[in-house]
Every structure is written in structure tokens, then in C-alpha cells.
Amino acid sequence: MEKIVNKNMMMEKIGETYYQRNCIKCHASKSAKDNFLVSSIRNEKFEFEFLNYYITNQDSLIKNGNKEAIAVKENYNPNSAFNHNFKLNRNEVKSIVYYLKK
């Protein structure tokens, strides 16, 4: 049980670090009331596979006409020319998602 608790704490801390480095500029702190990313993750609005690809290759999703990615972009940030294209691996994205769920 202690190993699980330590692993969860470590994953949360790693996720916080990646969130601070990559996401906070646009998505604000995880306690911000209008943080779309946090509310989407906590409400399980999207599957992890979509989130993973959206975070790391948003530009490709939009260019290839992914309806879900286009809807997210249009609904939550239509005036931004910025697209996510972070060089994060699957485990790094998982740690961000884990951190934001807490």
C-alpha cells in the first residue's frame, strides 16, 4: 500500500512539474474557475488517447479535420493561432492528467 501511495505522490508531482512548464501560461492554475483543461479531465469529457494526441499534436488533428479537435478549438479558444505541439511522451501526458484529476 505504501508503494502505491508513494508512486501516486510522485506521479502527481511529476505532472505538476510538466503542467507548470508547458500548460499554465494558457490554462492558468489548476484551481482557476475557468480552466477548460482541468474541468474536461475531471469530468472525463475526453478519452486519454484524444487528450494525448491533442496535447502533443493539436496542429495535425486540426489540419486533418478531426471534428473533436476543431470543436474544442472553436469553443474554447477560437482567436488563438497557437496550437499544442508539445514534445511530451505518453507517460508525461499521463502524469499531467493525473495531476489535474487530483
PDB file of N, CA and C in Angstrom:
ATOM      1  N   MET A   1       0.823  -1.196   0.000  1.00  0.00           N
ATOM      2  CA  MET A   1       0.000   0.000   0.000  1.00  0.00           C
ATOM      3  C   MET A   1       0.865   1.257   0.000  1.00  0.00           C
ATOM      4  N   GLU A   2       1.934   1.244   0.781  1.00  0.00           N
ATOM      5  CA  GLU A   2       2.812   2.411   0.865  1.00  0.00           C
ATOM      6  C   GLU A   2       3.470   2.705  -0.488  1.00  0.00           C
ATOM      7  N   LYS A   3       3.830   1.651  -1.236  1.00  0.00           N
ATOM      8  CA  LYS A   3       4.430   1.839  -2.559  1.00  0.00           C
ATOM      9  C   LYS A   3       3.467   2.543  -3.498  1.00  0.00           C
ATOM     10  N   ILE A   4       2.193   2.170  -3.417  1.00  0.00           N
ATOM     11  CA  ILE A   4       1.184   2.795  -4.275  1.00  0.00           C
ATOM     12  C   ILE A   4       1.037   4.268  -3.924  1.00  0.00           C
ATOM     13  N   VAL A   5       0.985   4.582  -2.656  1.00  0.00           N
ATOM     14  CA  VAL A   5       0.857   5.966  -2.206  1.00  0.00           C
ATOM     15  C   VAL A   5       2.057   6.776  -2.678  1.00  0.00           C
ATOM     16  N   ASN A   6       3.265   6.235  -2.510  1.00  0.00           N
ATOM     17  CA  ASN A   6       4.471   6.943  -2.952  1.00  0.00           C
ATOM     18  C   ASN A   6       4.483   7.127  -4.462  1.00  0.00           C
ATOM     19  N   LYS A   7       4.080   6.102  -5.199  1.00  0.00           N
ATOM     20  CA  LYS A   7       4.033   6.191  -6.662  1.00  0.00           C
ATOM     21  C   LYS A   7       3.033   7.263  -7.094  1.00  0.00           C
ATOM     22  N   ASN A   8       1.862   7.296  -6.460  1.00  0.00           N
ATOM     23  CA  ASN A   8       0.848   8.291  -6.792  1.00  0.00           C
ATOM     24  C   ASN A   8       1.332   9.707  -6.479  1.00  0.00           C
ATOM     25  N   MET A   9       1.993   9.869  -5.350  1.00  0.00           N
ATOM     26  CA  MET A   9       2.529  11.183  -4.981  1.00  0.00           C
ATOM     27  C   MET A   9       3.594  11.622  -5.979  1.00  0.00           C
ATOM     28  N   MET A  10       4.438  10.687  -6.384  1.00  0.00           N
ATOM     29  CA  MET A  10       5.491  11.001  -7.343  1.00  0.00           C
ATOM     30  C   MET A  10       4.884  11.373  -8.698  1.00  0.00           C
ATOM     31  N   MET A  11       3.894  10.609  -9.134  1.00  0.00           N
ATOM     32  CA  MET A  11       3.258  10.894 -10.416  1.00  0.00           C
ATOM     33  C   MET A  11       2.576  12.256 -10.398  1.00  0.00           C
ATOM     34  N   GLU A  12       1.931  12.576  -9.290  1.00  0.00           N
ATOM     35  CA  GLU A  12       1.280  13.874  -9.163  1.00  0.00           C
ATOM     36  C   GLU A  12       2.312  15.008  -9.216  1.00  0.00           C
ATOM     37  N   LYS A  13       3.439  14.835  -8.545  1.00  0.00           N
ATOM     38  CA  LYS A  13       4.494  15.859  -8.536  1.00  0.00           C
ATOM     39  C   LYS A  13       5.104  16.026  -9.930  1.00  0.00           C
ATOM     40  N   ILE A  14       5.329  14.919 -10.618  1.00  0.00           N
ATOM     41  CA  ILE A  14       5.864  14.983 -11.984  1.00  0.00           C
ATOM     42  C   ILE A  14       4.862  15.709 -12.891  1.00  0.00           C
ATOM     43  N   GLY A  15       3.586  15.357 -12.767  1.00  0.00           N
ATOM     44  CA  GLY A  15       2.547  16.014 -13.561  1.00  0.00           C
ATOM     45  C   GLY A  15       2.478  17.505 -13.300  1.00  0.00           C
ATOM     46  N   GLU A  16       2.615  17.877 -12.042  1.00  0.00           N
ATOM     47  CA  GLU A  16       2.610  19.294 -11.685  1.00  0.00           C
ATOM     48  C   GLU A  16       3.776  20.017 -12.361  1.00  0.00           C
ATOM     49  N   THR A  17       4.938  19.394 -12.356  1.00  0.00           N
ATOM     50  CA  THR A  17       6.122  19.989 -12.993  1.00  0.00           C
ATOM     51  C   THR A  17       5.895  20.202 -14.485  1.00  0.00           C
ATOM     52  N   TYR A  18       5.392  19.176 -15.164  1.00  0.00           N
ATOM     53  CA  TYR A  18       5.134  19.313 -16.610  1.00  0.00           C
ATOM     54  C   TYR A  18       4.040  20.334 -16.883  1.00  0.00           C
ATOM     55  N   TYR A  19       3.017  20.377 -16.044  1.00  0.00           N
ATOM     56  CA  TYR A  19       1.948  21.359 -16.213  1.00  0.00           C
ATOM     57  C   TYR A  19       2.506  22.773 -16.060  1.00  0.00           C
ATOM     58  N   GLN A  20       3.330  22.975 -15.047  1.00  0.00           N
ATOM     59  CA  GLN A  20       3.928  24.292 -14.816  1.00  0.00           C
ATOM     60  C   GLN A  20       4.799  24.722 -15.994  1.00  0.00           C
ATOM     61  N   ARG A  21       5.533  23.791 -16.563  1.00  0.00           N
ATOM     62  CA  ARG A  21       6.444  24.105 -17.671  1.00  0.00           C
ATOM     63  C   ARG A  21       5.720  24.342 -18.994  1.00  0.00           C
ATOM     64  N   ASN A  22       4.616  23.652 -19.208  1.00  0.00           N
ATOM     65  CA  ASN A  22       4.020  23.643 -20.542  1.00  0.00           C
ATOM     66  C   ASN A  22       2.615  24.231 -20.648  1.00  0.00           C
ATOM     67  N   CYS A  23       1.825  24.147 -19.624  1.00  0.00           N
ATOM     68  CA  CYS A  23       0.391  24.422 -19.760  1.00  0.00           C
ATOM     69  C   CYS A  23      -0.101  25.681 -19.063  1.00  0.00           C
ATOM     70  N   ILE A  24       0.537  26.035 -17.973  1.00  0.00           N
ATOM     71  CA  ILE A  24      -0.012  27.082 -17.104  1.00  0.00           C
ATOM     72  C   ILE A  24      -0.111  28.450 -17.791  1.00  0.00           C
ATOM     73  N   LYS A  25       0.751  28.706 -18.754  1.00  0.00           N
ATOM     74  CA  LYS A  25       0.719  30.001 -19.443  1.00  0.00           C
ATOM     75  C   LYS A  25      -0.642  30.271 -20.073  1.00  0.00           C
ATOM     76  N   CYS A  26      -1.232  29.250 -20.648  1.00  0.00           N
ATOM     77  CA  CYS A  26      -2.520  29.417 -21.327  1.00  0.00           C
ATOM     78  C   CYS A  26      -3.710  28.928 -20.507  1.00  0.00           C
ATOM     79  N   HIS A  27      -3.510  27.907 -19.691  1.00  0.00           N
ATOM     80  CA  HIS A  27      -4.624  27.291 -18.985  1.00  0.00           C
ATOM     81  C   HIS A  27      -4.758  27.731 -17.532  1.00  0.00           C
ATOM     82  N   ALA A  28      -3.859  28.555 -17.056  1.00  0.00           N
ATOM     83  CA  ALA A  28      -3.883  29.076 -15.679  1.00  0.00           C
ATOM     84  C   ALA A  28      -3.656  27.962 -14.666  1.00  0.00           C
ATOM     85  N   SER A  29      -3.746  28.318 -13.407  1.00  0.00           N
ATOM     86  CA  SER A  29      -3.528  27.316 -12.358  1.00  0.00           C
ATOM     87  C   SER A  29      -4.663  26.308 -12.376  1.00  0.00           C
ATOM     88  N   LYS A  30      -4.407  25.148 -11.803  1.00  0.00           N
ATOM     89  CA  LYS A  30      -5.459  24.129 -11.841  1.00  0.00           C
ATOM     90  C   LYS A  30      -6.647  24.491 -10.966  1.00  0.00           C
ATOM     91  N   SER A  31      -6.496  25.481 -10.116  1.00  0.00           N
ATOM     92  CA  SER A  31      -7.611  25.918  -9.277  1.00  0.00           C
ATOM     93  C   SER A  31      -8.423  27.053  -9.918  1.00  0.00           C
ATOM     94  N   ALA A  32      -8.014  27.540 -11.077  1.00  0.00           N
ATOM     95  CA  ALA A  32      -8.756  28.606 -11.752  1.00  0.00           C
ATOM     96  C   ALA A  32     -10.148  28.109 -12.140  1.00  0.00           C
ATOM     97  N   LYS A  33     -11.159  28.918 -11.939  1.00  0.00           N
ATOM     98  CA  LYS A  33     -12.542  28.513 -12.189  1.00  0.00           C
ATOM     99  C   LYS A  33     -12.818  28.178 -13.650  1.00  0.00           C
ATOM    100  N   ASP A  34     -12.176  28.862 -14.563  1.00  0.00           N
ATOM    101  CA  ASP A  34     -12.477  28.678 -15.983  1.00  0.00           C
ATOM    102  C   ASP A  34     -11.407  27.873 -16.723  1.00  0.00           C
ATOM    103  N   ASN A  35     -10.722  27.011 -16.020  1.00  0.00           N
ATOM    104  CA  ASN A  35      -9.684  26.206 -16.636  1.00  0.00           C
ATOM    105  C   ASN A  35     -10.334  25.042 -17.383  1.00  0.00           C
ATOM    106  N   PHE A  36     -10.475  25.191 -18.683  1.00  0.00           N
ATOM    107  CA  PHE A  36     -11.115  24.196 -19.532  1.00  0.00           C
ATOM    108  C   PHE A  36     -10.438  22.838 -19.436  1.00  0.00           C
ATOM    109  N   LEU A  37      -9.125  22.839 -19.437  1.00  0.00           N
ATOM    110  CA  LEU A  37      -8.380  21.583 -19.399  1.00  0.00           C
ATOM    111  C   LEU A  37      -8.684  20.802 -18.125  1.00  0.00           C
ATOM    112  N   VAL A  38      -8.651  21.457 -17.001  1.00  0.00           N
ATOM    113  CA  VAL A  38      -8.918  20.795 -15.723  1.00  0.00           C
ATOM    114  C   VAL A  38     -10.344  20.256 -15.687  1.00  0.00           C
ATOM    115  N   SER A  39     -11.307  21.081 -16.035  1.00  0.00           N
ATOM    116  CA  SER A  39     -12.701  20.622 -15.971  1.00  0.00           C
ATOM    117  C   SER A  39     -12.952  19.480 -16.946  1.00  0.00           C
ATOM    118  N   SER A  40     -12.339  19.504 -18.109  1.00  0.00           N
ATOM    119  CA  SER A  40     -12.504  18.422 -19.079  1.00  0.00           C
ATOM    120  C   SER A  40     -11.928  17.117 -18.556  1.00  0.00           C
ATOM    121  N   ILE A  41     -10.790  17.190 -17.912  1.00  0.00           N
ATOM    122  CA  ILE A  41     -10.146  15.988 -17.376  1.00  0.00           C
ATOM    123  C   ILE A  41     -10.923  15.467 -16.171  1.00  0.00           C
ATOM    124  N   ARG A  42     -11.301  16.330 -15.280  1.00  0.00           N
ATOM    125  CA  ARG A  42     -12.028  15.884 -14.084  1.00  0.00           C
ATOM    126  C   ARG A  42     -13.401  15.310 -14.435  1.00  0.00           C
ATOM    127  N   ASN A  43     -14.017  15.840 -15.470  1.00  0.00           N
ATOM    128  CA  ASN A  43     -15.329  15.353 -15.886  1.00  0.00           C
ATOM    129  C   ASN A  43     -15.225  14.237 -16.933  1.00  0.00           C
ATOM    130  N   GLU A  44     -14.009  13.816 -17.207  1.00  0.00           N
ATOM    131  CA  GLU A  44     -13.734  12.751 -18.182  1.00  0.00           C
ATOM    132  C   GLU A  44     -14.462  12.995 -19.501  1.00  0.00           C
ATOM    133  N   LYS A  45     -14.366  14.231 -19.968  1.00  0.00           N
ATOM    134  CA  LYS A  45     -15.026  14.634 -21.203  1.00  0.00           C
ATOM    135  C   LYS A  45     -14.367  13.985 -22.429  1.00  0.00           C
ATOM    136  N   PHE A  46     -13.078  13.710 -22.327  1.00  0.00           N
ATOM    137  CA  PHE A  46     -12.333  13.143 -23.450  1.00  0.00           C
ATOM    138  C   PHE A  46     -11.593  11.882 -23.025  1.00  0.00           C
ATOM    139  N   GLU A  47     -11.447  10.971 -23.948  1.00  0.00           N
ATOM    140  CA  GLU A  47     -10.637   9.775 -23.726  1.00  0.00           C
ATOM    141  C   GLU A  47      -9.171  10.193 -23.635  1.00  0.00           C
ATOM    142  N   PHE A  48      -8.381   9.404 -22.926  1.00  0.00           N
ATOM    143  CA  PHE A  48      -6.962   9.726 -22.798  1.00  0.00           C
ATOM    144  C   PHE A  48      -6.275   9.795 -24.161  1.00  0.00           C
ATOM    145  N   GLU A  49      -6.608   8.890 -25.053  1.00  0.00           N
ATOM    146  CA  GLU A  49      -5.949   8.874 -26.368  1.00  0.00           C
ATOM    147  C   GLU A  49      -6.128  10.203 -27.091  1.00  0.00           C
ATOM    148  N   PHE A  50      -7.328  10.758 -27.016  1.00  0.00           N
ATOM    149  CA  PHE A  50      -7.569  12.055 -27.635  1.00  0.00           C
ATOM    150  C   PHE A  50      -6.755  13.134 -26.940  1.00  0.00           C
ATOM    151  N   LEU A  51      -6.791  13.153 -25.613  1.00  0.00           N
ATOM    152  CA  LEU A  51      -6.022  14.156 -24.867  1.00  0.00           C
ATOM    153  C   LEU A  51      -4.536  14.071 -25.187  1.00  0.00           C
ATOM    154  N   ASN A  52      -4.027  12.861 -25.222  1.00  0.00           N
ATOM    155  CA  ASN A  52      -2.610  12.660 -25.523  1.00  0.00           C
ATOM    156  C   ASN A  52      -2.264  13.248 -26.891  1.00  0.00           C
ATOM    157  N   TYR A  53      -3.058  12.930 -27.872  1.00  0.00           N
ATOM    158  CA  TYR A  53      -2.770  13.420 -29.218  1.00  0.00           C
ATOM    159  C   TYR A  53      -3.051  14.917 -29.331  1.00  0.00           C
ATOM    160  N   TYR A  54      -4.079  15.395 -28.651  1.00  0.00           N
ATOM    161  CA  TYR A  54      -4.420  16.814 -28.688  1.00  0.00           C
ATOM    162  C   TYR A  54      -3.306  17.660 -28.075  1.00  0.00           C
ATOM    163  N   ILE A  55      -2.736  17.189 -26.998  1.00  0.00           N
ATOM    164  CA  ILE A  55      -1.664  17.925 -26.322  1.00  0.00           C
ATOM    165  C   ILE A  55      -0.375  17.898 -27.141  1.00  0.00           C
ATOM    166  N   THR A  56      -0.085  16.773 -27.754  1.00  0.00           N
ATOM    167  CA  THR A  56       1.202  16.631 -28.437  1.00  0.00           C
ATOM    168  C   THR A  56       1.145  16.940 -29.934  1.00  0.00           C
ATOM    169  N   ASN A  57      -0.039  16.891 -30.537  1.00  0.00           N
ATOM    170  CA  ASN A  57      -0.142  17.095 -31.996  1.00  0.00           C
ATOM    171  C   ASN A  57      -1.419  17.803 -32.403  1.00  0.00           C
ATOM    172  N   GLN A  58      -1.798  18.815 -31.683  1.00  0.00           N
ATOM    173  CA  GLN A  58      -3.044  19.508 -31.978  1.00  0.00           C
ATOM    174  C   GLN A  58      -3.078  20.032 -33.410  1.00  0.00           C
ATOM    175  N   ASP A  59      -1.971  20.561 -33.876  1.00  0.00           N
ATOM    176  CA  ASP A  59      -1.945  21.106 -35.224  1.00  0.00           C
ATOM    177  C   ASP A  59      -2.276  20.037 -36.268  1.00  0.00           C
ATOM    178  N   SER A  60      -1.763  18.826 -36.092  1.00  0.00           N
ATOM    179  CA  SER A  60      -2.054  17.734 -37.033  1.00  0.00           C
ATOM    180  C   SER A  60      -3.528  17.357 -36.994  1.00  0.00           C
ATOM    181  N   LEU A  61      -4.093  17.284 -35.792  1.00  0.00           N
ATOM    182  CA  LEU A  61      -5.513  16.950 -35.684  1.00  0.00           C
ATOM    183  C   LEU A  61      -6.372  17.965 -36.428  1.00  0.00           C
ATOM    184  N   ILE A  62      -6.083  19.222 -36.233  1.00  0.00           N
ATOM    185  CA  ILE A  62      -6.877  20.280 -36.859  1.00  0.00           C
ATOM    186  C   ILE A  62      -6.664  20.282 -38.368  1.00  0.00           C
ATOM    187  N   LYS A  63      -5.423  20.183 -38.813  1.00  0.00           N
ATOM    188  CA  LYS A  63      -5.135  20.157 -40.254  1.00  0.00           C
ATOM    189  C   LYS A  63      -5.801  18.980 -40.949  1.00  0.00           C
ATOM    190  N   ASN A  64      -5.931  17.853 -40.236  1.00  0.00           N
ATOM    191  CA  ASN A  64      -6.547  16.659 -40.824  1.00  0.00           C
ATOM    192  C   ASN A  64      -8.051  16.602 -40.605  1.00  0.00           C
ATOM    193  N   GLY A  65      -8.623  17.674 -40.073  1.00  0.00           N
ATOM    194  CA  GLY A  65     -10.071  17.787 -39.962  1.00  0.00           C
ATOM    195  C   GLY A  65     -10.714  16.987 -38.840  1.00  0.00           C
ATOM    196  N   ASN A  66      -9.971  16.695 -37.773  1.00  0.00           N
ATOM    197  CA  ASN A  66     -10.557  15.973 -36.646  1.00  0.00           C
ATOM    198  C   ASN A  66     -11.651  16.847 -36.031  1.00  0.00           C
ATOM    199  N   LYS A  67     -12.892  16.365 -36.113  1.00  0.00           N
ATOM    200  CA  LYS A  67     -14.050  17.155 -35.680  1.00  0.00           C
ATOM    201  C   LYS A  67     -14.004  17.510 -34.200  1.00  0.00           C
ATOM    202  N   GLU A  68     -13.556  16.568 -33.380  1.00  0.00           N
ATOM    203  CA  GLU A  68     -13.497  16.812 -31.938  1.00  0.00           C
ATOM    204  C   GLU A  68     -12.470  17.905 -31.616  1.00  0.00           C
ATOM    205  N   ALA A  69     -11.297  17.845 -32.245  1.00  0.00           N
ATOM    206  CA  ALA A  69     -10.254  18.856 -32.012  1.00  0.00           C
ATOM    207  C   ALA A  69     -10.692  20.224 -32.511  1.00  0.00           C
ATOM    208  N   ILE A  70     -11.331  20.257 -33.655  1.00  0.00           N
ATOM    209  CA  ILE A  70     -11.808  21.529 -34.216  1.00  0.00           C
ATOM    210  C   ILE A  70     -12.874  22.133 -33.303  1.00  0.00           C
ATOM    211  N   ALA A  71     -13.777  21.308 -32.787  1.00  0.00           N
ATOM    212  CA  ALA A  71     -14.820  21.805 -31.892  1.00  0.00           C
ATOM    213  C   ALA A  71     -14.227  22.367 -30.608  1.00  0.00           C
ATOM    214  N   VAL A  72     -13.243  21.680 -30.049  1.00  0.00           N
ATOM    215  CA  VAL A  72     -12.585  22.175 -28.837  1.00  0.00           C
ATOM    216  C   VAL A  72     -11.955  23.531 -29.117  1.00  0.00           C
ATOM    217  N   LYS A  73     -11.227  23.619 -30.200  1.00  0.00           N
ATOM    218  CA  LYS A  73     -10.543  24.868 -30.561  1.00  0.00           C
ATOM    219  C   LYS A  73     -11.555  26.005 -30.767  1.00  0.00           C
ATOM    220  N   GLU A  74     -12.635  25.725 -31.500  1.00  0.00           N
ATOM    221  CA  GLU A  74     -13.639  26.757 -31.781  1.00  0.00           C
ATOM    222  C   GLU A  74     -14.412  27.180 -30.531  1.00  0.00           C
ATOM    223  N   ASN A  75     -14.707  26.230 -29.652  1.00  0.00           N
ATOM    224  CA  ASN A  75     -15.491  26.539 -28.458  1.00  0.00           C
ATOM    225  C   ASN A  75     -14.696  27.231 -27.363  1.00  0.00           C
ATOM    226  N   TYR A  76     -13.431  26.903 -27.253  1.00  0.00           N
ATOM    227  CA  TYR A  76     -12.687  27.384 -26.088  1.00  0.00           C
ATOM    228  C   TYR A  76     -11.592  28.392 -26.392  1.00  0.00           C
ATOM    229  N   ASN A  77     -11.142  28.461 -27.624  1.00  0.00           N
ATOM    230  CA  ASN A  77     -10.075  29.415 -27.925  1.00  0.00           C
ATOM    231  C   ASN A  77     -10.051  29.731 -29.415  1.00  0.00           C
ATOM    232  N   PRO A  78     -11.138  30.264 -29.944  1.00  0.00           N
ATOM    233  CA  PRO A  78     -11.225  30.465 -31.393  1.00  0.00           C
ATOM    234  C   PRO A  78     -10.269  31.514 -31.957  1.00  0.00           C
ATOM    235  N   ASN A  79      -9.833  32.446 -31.136  1.00  0.00           N
ATOM    236  CA  ASN A  79      -8.979  33.528 -31.632  1.00  0.00           C
ATOM    237  C   ASN A  79      -7.493  33.256 -31.500  1.00  0.00           C
ATOM    238  N   SER A  80      -7.159  32.127 -30.926  1.00  0.00           N
ATOM    239  CA  SER A  80      -5.746  31.810 -30.721  1.00  0.00           C
ATOM    240  C   SER A  80      -5.176  31.098 -31.935  1.00  0.00           C
ATOM    241  N   ALA A  81      -4.037  31.584 -32.397  1.00  0.00           N
ATOM    242  CA  ALA A  81      -3.337  30.922 -33.501  1.00  0.00           C
ATOM    243  C   ALA A  81      -2.442  29.806 -32.974  1.00  0.00           C
ATOM    244  N   PHE A  82      -2.299  29.751 -31.644  1.00  0.00           N
ATOM    245  CA  PHE A  82      -1.415  28.766 -31.028  1.00  0.00           C
ATOM    246  C   PHE A  82      -2.065  27.392 -31.027  1.00  0.00           C
ATOM    247  N   ASN A  83      -1.296  26.397 -31.421  1.00  0.00           N
ATOM    248  CA  ASN A  83      -1.726  25.007 -31.341  1.00  0.00           C
ATOM    249  C   ASN A  83      -0.739  24.253 -30.472  1.00  0.00           C
ATOM    250  N   HIS A  84      -1.265  23.355 -29.640  1.00  0.00           N
ATOM    251  CA  HIS A  84      -0.381  22.499 -28.850  1.00  0.00           C
ATOM    252  C   HIS A  84       0.451  21.647 -29.781  1.00  0.00           C
ATOM    253  N   ASN A  85       1.703  21.541 -29.472  1.00  0.00           N
ATOM    254  CA  ASN A  85       2.594  20.657 -30.206  1.00  0.00           C
ATOM    255  C   ASN A  85       3.781  20.360 -29.298  1.00  0.00           C
ATOM    256  N   PHE A  86       3.459  19.914 -28.080  1.00  0.00           N
ATOM    257  CA  PHE A  86       4.489  19.682 -27.086  1.00  0.00           C
ATOM    258  C   PHE A  86       5.210  18.368 -27.333  1.00  0.00           C
ATOM    259  N   LYS A  87       6.469  18.355 -27.041  1.00  0.00           N
ATOM    260  CA  LYS A  87       7.301  17.154 -27.182  1.00  0.00           C
ATOM    261  C   LYS A  87       7.255  16.363 -25.880  1.00  0.00           C
ATOM    262  N   LEU A  88       6.095  15.822 -25.572  1.00  0.00           N
ATOM    263  CA  LEU A  88       5.906  15.035 -24.363  1.00  0.00           C
ATOM    264  C   LEU A  88       5.610  13.594 -24.760  1.00  0.00           C
ATOM    265  N   ASN A  89       6.132  12.662 -23.984  1.00  0.00           N
ATOM    266  CA  ASN A  89       5.801  11.272 -24.273  1.00  0.00           C
ATOM    267  C   ASN A  89       4.510  10.902 -23.542  1.00  0.00           C
ATOM    268  N   ARG A  90       4.029   9.729 -23.821  1.00  0.00           N
ATOM    269  CA  ARG A  90       2.757   9.247 -23.275  1.00  0.00           C
ATOM    270  C   ARG A  90       2.724   9.303 -21.739  1.00  0.00           C
ATOM    271  N   ASN A  91       3.801   8.872 -21.093  1.00  0.00           N
ATOM    272  CA  ASN A  91       3.850   8.879 -19.628  1.00  0.00           C
ATOM    273  C   ASN A  91       3.854  10.295 -19.062  1.00  0.00           C
ATOM    274  N   GLU A  92       4.484  11.217 -19.753  1.00  0.00           N
ATOM    275  CA  GLU A  92       4.490  12.608 -19.304  1.00  0.00           C
ATOM    276  C   GLU A  92       3.077  13.202 -19.384  1.00  0.00           C
ATOM    277  N   VAL A  93       2.367  12.896 -20.460  1.00  0.00           N
ATOM    278  CA  VAL A  93       0.981  13.359 -20.582  1.00  0.00           C
ATOM    279  C   VAL A  93       0.119  12.701 -19.509  1.00  0.00           C
ATOM    280  N   LYS A  94       0.333  11.413 -19.269  1.00  0.00           N
ATOM    281  CA  LYS A  94      -0.414  10.718 -18.206  1.00  0.00           C
ATOM    282  C   LYS A  94      -0.198  11.393 -16.862  1.00  0.00           C
ATOM    283  N   SER A  95       1.023  11.815 -16.589  1.00  0.00           N
ATOM    284  CA  SER A  95       1.295  12.454 -15.302  1.00  0.00           C
ATOM    285  C   SER A  95       0.574  13.800 -15.194  1.00  0.00           C
ATOM    286  N   ILE A  96       0.475  14.539 -16.284  1.00  0.00           N
ATOM    287  CA  ILE A  96      -0.271  15.806 -16.279  1.00  0.00           C
ATOM    288  C   ILE A  96      -1.741  15.538 -16.006  1.00  0.00           C
ATOM    289  N   VAL A  97      -2.297  14.561 -16.697  1.00  0.00           N
ATOM    290  CA  VAL A  97      -3.702  14.207 -16.494  1.00  0.00           C
ATOM    291  C   VAL A  97      -3.931  13.772 -15.047  1.00  0.00           C
ATOM    292  N   TYR A  98      -3.041  12.962 -14.526  1.00  0.00           N
ATOM    293  CA  TYR A  98      -3.160  12.507 -13.133  1.00  0.00           C
ATOM    294  C   TYR A  98      -3.135  13.694 -12.175  1.00  0.00           C
ATOM    295  N   TYR A  99      -2.201  14.605 -12.385  1.00  0.00           N
ATOM    296  CA  TYR A  99      -2.090  15.799 -11.538  1.00  0.00           C
ATOM    297  C   TYR A  99      -3.380  16.629 -11.586  1.00  0.00           C
ATOM    298  N   LEU A 100      -3.932  16.814 -12.758  1.00  0.00           N
ATOM    299  CA  LEU A 100      -5.124  17.647 -12.887  1.00  0.00           C
ATOM    300  C   LEU A 100      -6.376  16.983 -12.344  1.00  0.00           C
ATOM    301  N   LYS A 101      -6.398  15.665 -12.270  1.00  0.00           N
ATOM    302  CA  LYS A 101      -7.552  14.958 -11.698  1.00  0.00           C
ATOM    303  C   LYS A 101      -7.618  15.123 -10.187  1.00  0.00           C
ATOM    304  N   LYS A 102      -6.506  15.347  -9.540  1.00  0.00           N
ATOM    305  CA  LYS A 102      -6.446  15.453  -8.075  1.00  0.00           C
ATOM    306  C   LYS A 102      -6.980  16.773  -7.589  1.00  0.00           C
TER     307      LYS A 102
END
